[in-house]
Amino acid sequence: MSREDLQITTKHNTSRSAFDQLTKYVRVRSEEGARFVEFDFAIGDPSLFVELVMPNAAFESFCQTNHVVHMSEEQMQEIDAEMEKWRYGEDTLMARNHDW
């Protein structure tokens, strides 16, 4: 392995380990016992998430592989409140629909 290859590999491993150190969050949305697990997945910031769907076995493997942390009740409430604010904020058309 050349010196340049070693530097590239070292740089890649360093950035990967920095990524791996970020907390990965999940929030299960589906009912217990459902055929598929519907969940939110976030890296680093629980409020920035993607919605995913997986069979139960795949979800369990995904959680183990990514060393996930389940969002706390407080985190879920904060996220929901923020989403409500964006969805039904004071100065939006949707906010006025609740007055009818």
N, C-alpha and C. Protein backbone atom coordinates (compact mmCIF):
# COMPACT_ATOMS: atom_id res chain seq x y z
N MET A 1 0.85 -1.17 0.00
CA MET A 1 0.00 0.00 0.00
C MET A 1 0.90 1.24 0.00
N SER A 2 0.61 2.15 -0.91
CA SER A 2 1.42 3.35 -0.99
C SER A 2 1.09 4.29 0.17
N ARG A 3 1.95 5.25 0.37
CA ARG A 3 1.74 6.24 1.44
C ARG A 3 0.45 7.03 1.18
N GLU A 4 0.19 7.37 -0.09
CA GLU A 4 -1.02 8.11 -0.44
C GLU A 4 -2.27 7.29 -0.15
N ASP A 5 -2.23 6.00 -0.50
CA ASP A 5 -3.35 5.11 -0.20
C ASP A 5 -3.60 5.02 1.30
N LEU A 6 -2.52 4.95 2.06
CA LEU A 6 -2.63 4.88 3.51
C LEU A 6 -3.26 6.15 4.08
N GLN A 7 -2.89 7.32 3.55
CA GLN A 7 -3.48 8.58 4.01
C GLN A 7 -4.97 8.64 3.69
N ILE A 8 -5.34 8.20 2.50
CA ILE A 8 -6.76 8.20 2.12
C ILE A 8 -7.54 7.25 3.01
N THR A 9 -6.99 6.04 3.24
CA THR A 9 -7.66 5.06 4.10
C THR A 9 -7.79 5.59 5.51
N THR A 10 -6.75 6.20 6.04
CA THR A 10 -6.78 6.76 7.40
C THR A 10 -7.81 7.87 7.49
N LYS A 11 -7.84 8.75 6.50
CA LYS A 11 -8.81 9.84 6.49
C LYS A 11 -10.23 9.28 6.44
N HIS A 12 -10.46 8.26 5.61
CA HIS A 12 -11.78 7.64 5.50
C HIS A 12 -12.18 7.02 6.84
N ASN A 13 -11.28 6.30 7.49
CA ASN A 13 -11.59 5.66 8.76
C ASN A 13 -11.85 6.68 9.87
N THR A 14 -11.15 7.80 9.85
CA THR A 14 -11.36 8.84 10.85
C THR A 14 -12.73 9.47 10.68
N SER A 15 -13.10 9.81 9.44
CA SER A 15 -14.41 10.42 9.23
C SER A 15 -15.52 9.42 9.50
N ARG A 16 -15.29 8.17 9.20
CA ARG A 16 -16.30 7.15 9.46
C ARG A 16 -16.50 6.99 10.96
N SER A 17 -15.44 6.97 11.73
CA SER A 17 -15.60 6.81 13.17
C SER A 17 -16.29 8.03 13.77
N ALA A 18 -16.06 9.22 13.22
CA ALA A 18 -16.77 10.40 13.69
C ALA A 18 -18.27 10.25 13.41
N PHE A 19 -18.61 9.72 12.26
CA PHE A 19 -20.01 9.47 11.93
C PHE A 19 -20.60 8.42 12.87
N ASP A 20 -19.84 7.37 13.08
CA ASP A 20 -20.32 6.29 13.95
C ASP A 20 -20.55 6.76 15.38
N GLN A 21 -19.89 7.83 15.78
CA GLN A 21 -20.04 8.34 17.14
C GLN A 21 -21.33 9.14 17.31
N LEU A 22 -21.97 9.54 16.21
CA LEU A 22 -23.23 10.26 16.31
C LEU A 22 -24.33 9.32 16.82
N THR A 23 -25.20 9.85 17.65
CA THR A 23 -26.31 9.06 18.17
C THR A 23 -27.35 8.84 17.07
N LYS A 24 -27.80 7.61 16.94
CA LYS A 24 -28.87 7.27 15.99
C LYS A 24 -30.15 7.03 16.80
N TYR A 25 -31.21 7.72 16.42
CA TYR A 25 -32.47 7.66 17.15
C TYR A 25 -33.54 6.95 16.33
N VAL A 26 -34.42 6.22 17.00
CA VAL A 26 -35.61 5.68 16.37
C VAL A 26 -36.84 6.04 17.20
N ARG A 27 -37.94 6.19 16.49
CA ARG A 27 -39.24 6.38 17.12
C ARG A 27 -40.23 5.49 16.37
N VAL A 28 -40.71 4.47 17.03
CA VAL A 28 -41.62 3.52 16.39
C VAL A 28 -43.00 4.15 16.32
N ARG A 29 -43.59 4.12 15.13
CA ARG A 29 -44.91 4.71 14.88
C ARG A 29 -46.00 3.65 14.74
N SER A 30 -45.63 2.43 14.38
CA SER A 30 -46.63 1.39 14.13
C SER A 30 -47.10 0.76 15.44
N GLU A 31 -48.24 0.10 15.34
CA GLU A 31 -48.80 -0.61 16.49
C GLU A 31 -47.94 -1.84 16.80
N GLU A 32 -47.88 -2.20 18.06
CA GLU A 32 -47.14 -3.39 18.45
C GLU A 32 -47.78 -4.62 17.80
N GLY A 33 -46.95 -5.50 17.28
CA GLY A 33 -47.44 -6.70 16.63
C GLY A 33 -47.80 -6.53 15.16
N ALA A 34 -47.61 -5.32 14.62
CA ALA A 34 -47.91 -5.09 13.21
C ALA A 34 -46.95 -5.90 12.33
N ARG A 35 -47.37 -6.19 11.12
CA ARG A 35 -46.55 -6.97 10.19
C ARG A 35 -45.25 -6.24 9.85
N PHE A 36 -45.33 -4.92 9.70
CA PHE A 36 -44.17 -4.10 9.41
C PHE A 36 -44.00 -3.06 10.51
N VAL A 37 -42.75 -2.67 10.76
CA VAL A 37 -42.46 -1.63 11.73
C VAL A 37 -42.30 -0.32 10.97
N GLU A 38 -43.15 0.63 11.29
CA GLU A 38 -43.05 1.98 10.74
C GLU A 38 -42.34 2.82 11.80
N PHE A 39 -41.28 3.51 11.39
CA PHE A 39 -40.52 4.26 12.38
C PHE A 39 -39.81 5.45 11.77
N ASP A 40 -39.45 6.38 12.65
CA ASP A 40 -38.65 7.53 12.28
C ASP A 40 -37.21 7.19 12.65
N PHE A 41 -36.26 7.58 11.79
CA PHE A 41 -34.84 7.35 12.04
C PHE A 41 -34.10 8.66 11.89
N ALA A 42 -33.34 9.00 12.92
CA ALA A 42 -32.58 10.26 12.92
C ALA A 42 -31.13 9.99 13.31
N ILE A 43 -30.24 10.81 12.77
CA ILE A 43 -28.83 10.71 13.11
C ILE A 43 -28.38 12.06 13.67
N GLY A 44 -27.96 12.05 14.93
CA GLY A 44 -27.42 13.26 15.55
C GLY A 44 -28.47 14.18 16.14
N ASP A 45 -29.54 14.45 15.43
CA ASP A 45 -30.58 15.36 15.86
C ASP A 45 -31.93 14.67 15.71
N PRO A 46 -32.61 14.36 16.80
CA PRO A 46 -33.86 13.60 16.69
C PRO A 46 -34.96 14.31 15.91
N SER A 47 -34.85 15.62 15.74
CA SER A 47 -35.89 16.35 15.02
C SER A 47 -35.73 16.30 13.50
N LEU A 48 -34.59 15.82 13.02
CA LEU A 48 -34.35 15.68 11.58
C LEU A 48 -34.34 14.19 11.26
N PHE A 49 -35.47 13.68 10.80
CA PHE A 49 -35.60 12.24 10.63
C PHE A 49 -36.20 11.89 9.29
N VAL A 50 -36.04 10.63 8.94
CA VAL A 50 -36.70 10.05 7.77
C VAL A 50 -37.67 8.99 8.28
N GLU A 51 -38.73 8.77 7.53
CA GLU A 51 -39.70 7.74 7.88
C GLU A 51 -39.35 6.47 7.11
N LEU A 52 -39.26 5.36 7.83
CA LEU A 52 -38.89 4.09 7.22
C LEU A 52 -39.89 3.02 7.61
N VAL A 53 -39.94 1.96 6.80
CA VAL A 53 -40.79 0.80 7.06
C VAL A 53 -39.96 -0.44 6.79
N MET A 54 -39.99 -1.39 7.73
CA MET A 54 -39.24 -2.64 7.58
C MET A 54 -40.00 -3.78 8.23
N PRO A 55 -39.76 -5.01 7.76
CA PRO A 55 -40.28 -6.17 8.50
C PRO A 55 -39.64 -6.21 9.89
N ASN A 56 -40.29 -6.84 10.84
CA ASN A 56 -39.81 -6.86 12.22
C ASN A 56 -38.37 -7.33 12.36
N ALA A 57 -38.02 -8.44 11.71
CA ALA A 57 -36.66 -8.98 11.83
C ALA A 57 -35.63 -8.00 11.28
N ALA A 58 -35.94 -7.36 10.17
CA ALA A 58 -35.02 -6.37 9.59
C ALA A 58 -34.86 -5.17 10.51
N PHE A 59 -35.97 -4.75 11.14
CA PHE A 59 -35.91 -3.62 12.07
C PHE A 59 -35.00 -3.95 13.26
N GLU A 60 -35.16 -5.14 13.81
CA GLU A 60 -34.31 -5.54 14.95
C GLU A 60 -32.84 -5.54 14.56
N SER A 61 -32.53 -6.07 13.38
CA SER A 61 -31.16 -6.08 12.89
C SER A 61 -30.64 -4.66 12.65
N PHE A 62 -31.49 -3.82 12.06
CA PHE A 62 -31.15 -2.42 11.81
C PHE A 62 -30.79 -1.71 13.12
N CYS A 63 -31.60 -1.94 14.14
CA CYS A 63 -31.36 -1.29 15.44
C CYS A 63 -30.04 -1.76 16.06
N GLN A 64 -29.76 -3.05 15.98
CA GLN A 64 -28.51 -3.57 16.53
C GLN A 64 -27.31 -3.06 15.76
N THR A 65 -27.40 -3.07 14.45
CA THR A 65 -26.28 -2.62 13.61
C THR A 65 -25.96 -1.16 13.87
N ASN A 66 -26.99 -0.34 14.03
CA ASN A 66 -26.79 1.11 14.19
C ASN A 66 -26.72 1.57 15.65
N HIS A 67 -26.82 0.62 16.59
CA HIS A 67 -26.76 0.96 18.01
C HIS A 67 -27.71 2.11 18.33
N VAL A 68 -28.96 1.95 17.95
CA VAL A 68 -29.93 3.04 18.07
C VAL A 68 -30.34 3.29 19.51
N VAL A 69 -30.85 4.49 19.73
CA VAL A 69 -31.43 4.89 20.99
C VAL A 69 -32.88 5.24 20.69
N HIS A 70 -33.80 4.71 21.47
CA HIS A 70 -35.20 5.06 21.28
C HIS A 70 -35.42 6.46 21.84
N MET A 71 -36.12 7.28 21.08
CA MET A 71 -36.38 8.66 21.51
C MET A 71 -37.13 8.64 22.83
N SER A 72 -36.77 9.59 23.69
CA SER A 72 -37.45 9.70 24.97
C SER A 72 -38.82 10.34 24.76
N GLU A 73 -39.67 10.21 25.73
CA GLU A 73 -41.00 10.83 25.68
C GLU A 73 -40.87 12.34 25.52
N GLU A 74 -39.92 12.92 26.21
CA GLU A 74 -39.68 14.37 26.11
C GLU A 74 -39.26 14.77 24.70
N GLN A 75 -38.37 14.02 24.09
CA GLN A 75 -37.94 14.31 22.72
C GLN A 75 -39.11 14.21 21.76
N MET A 76 -39.93 13.17 21.92
CA MET A 76 -41.08 13.00 21.03
C MET A 76 -42.07 14.15 21.19
N GLN A 77 -42.30 14.59 22.41
CA GLN A 77 -43.22 15.70 22.64
C GLN A 77 -42.69 17.00 22.03
N GLU A 78 -41.39 17.25 22.16
CA GLU A 78 -40.79 18.45 21.57
C GLU A 78 -40.91 18.43 20.05
N ILE A 79 -40.65 17.29 19.45
CA ILE A 79 -40.74 17.16 17.99
C ILE A 79 -42.18 17.37 17.54
N ASP A 80 -43.12 16.74 18.24
CA ASP A 80 -44.54 16.89 17.88
C ASP A 80 -44.99 18.34 18.01
N ALA A 81 -44.56 19.01 19.08
CA ALA A 81 -44.93 20.41 19.28
C ALA A 81 -44.37 21.29 18.17
N GLU A 82 -43.14 21.04 17.78
CA GLU A 82 -42.52 21.81 16.71
C GLU A 82 -43.23 21.56 15.38
N MET A 83 -43.60 20.33 15.12
CA MET A 83 -44.32 20.01 13.89
C MET A 83 -45.69 20.68 13.88
N GLU A 84 -46.35 20.71 15.02
CA GLU A 84 -47.65 21.39 15.12
C GLU A 84 -47.50 22.88 14.84
N LYS A 85 -46.44 23.45 15.37
CA LYS A 85 -46.20 24.87 15.16
C LYS A 85 -46.04 25.18 13.67
N TRP A 86 -45.30 24.34 12.97
CA TRP A 86 -45.10 24.55 11.54
C TRP A 86 -46.37 24.28 10.76
N ARG A 87 -47.12 23.27 11.20
CA ARG A 87 -48.32 22.88 10.48
C ARG A 87 -49.47 23.85 10.73
N TYR A 88 -49.63 24.30 11.98
CA TYR A 88 -50.79 25.12 12.34
C TYR A 88 -50.37 26.42 13.02
N GLY A 89 -49.25 26.98 12.64
CA GLY A 89 -48.76 28.21 13.27
C GLY A 89 -49.76 29.35 13.20
N GLU A 90 -49.50 30.36 13.95
CA GLU A 90 -50.38 31.52 14.09
C GLU A 90 -50.68 32.21 12.76
N ASP A 91 -49.69 32.36 11.93
CA ASP A 91 -49.86 33.15 10.70
C ASP A 91 -49.94 32.29 9.46
N THR A 92 -50.63 31.17 9.54
CA THR A 92 -50.76 30.31 8.36
C THR A 92 -52.22 30.16 7.99
N LEU A 93 -52.47 29.75 6.77
CA LEU A 93 -53.84 29.49 6.34
C LEU A 93 -54.46 28.35 7.13
N MET A 94 -53.68 27.34 7.45
CA MET A 94 -54.19 26.20 8.19
C MET A 94 -54.62 26.59 9.60
N ALA A 95 -53.93 27.56 10.22
CA ALA A 95 -54.29 27.98 11.58
C ALA A 95 -55.71 28.55 11.59
N ARG A 96 -56.09 29.22 10.55
CA ARG A 96 -57.42 29.82 10.49
C ARG A 96 -58.52 28.77 10.26
N ASN A 97 -58.18 27.62 9.76
CA ASN A 97 -59.16 26.55 9.54
C ASN A 97 -59.70 25.99 10.85
N HIS A 98 -58.94 26.13 11.92
CA HIS A 98 -59.40 25.61 13.22
C HIS A 98 -60.47 26.48 13.85
N ASP A 99 -60.61 27.70 13.37
CA ASP A 99 -61.59 28.63 13.95
C ASP A 99 -63.00 28.37 13.43
N TRP A 100 -63.16 27.54 12.44
CA TRP A 100 -64.47 27.36 11.80
C TRP A 100 -65.30 26.36 12.51
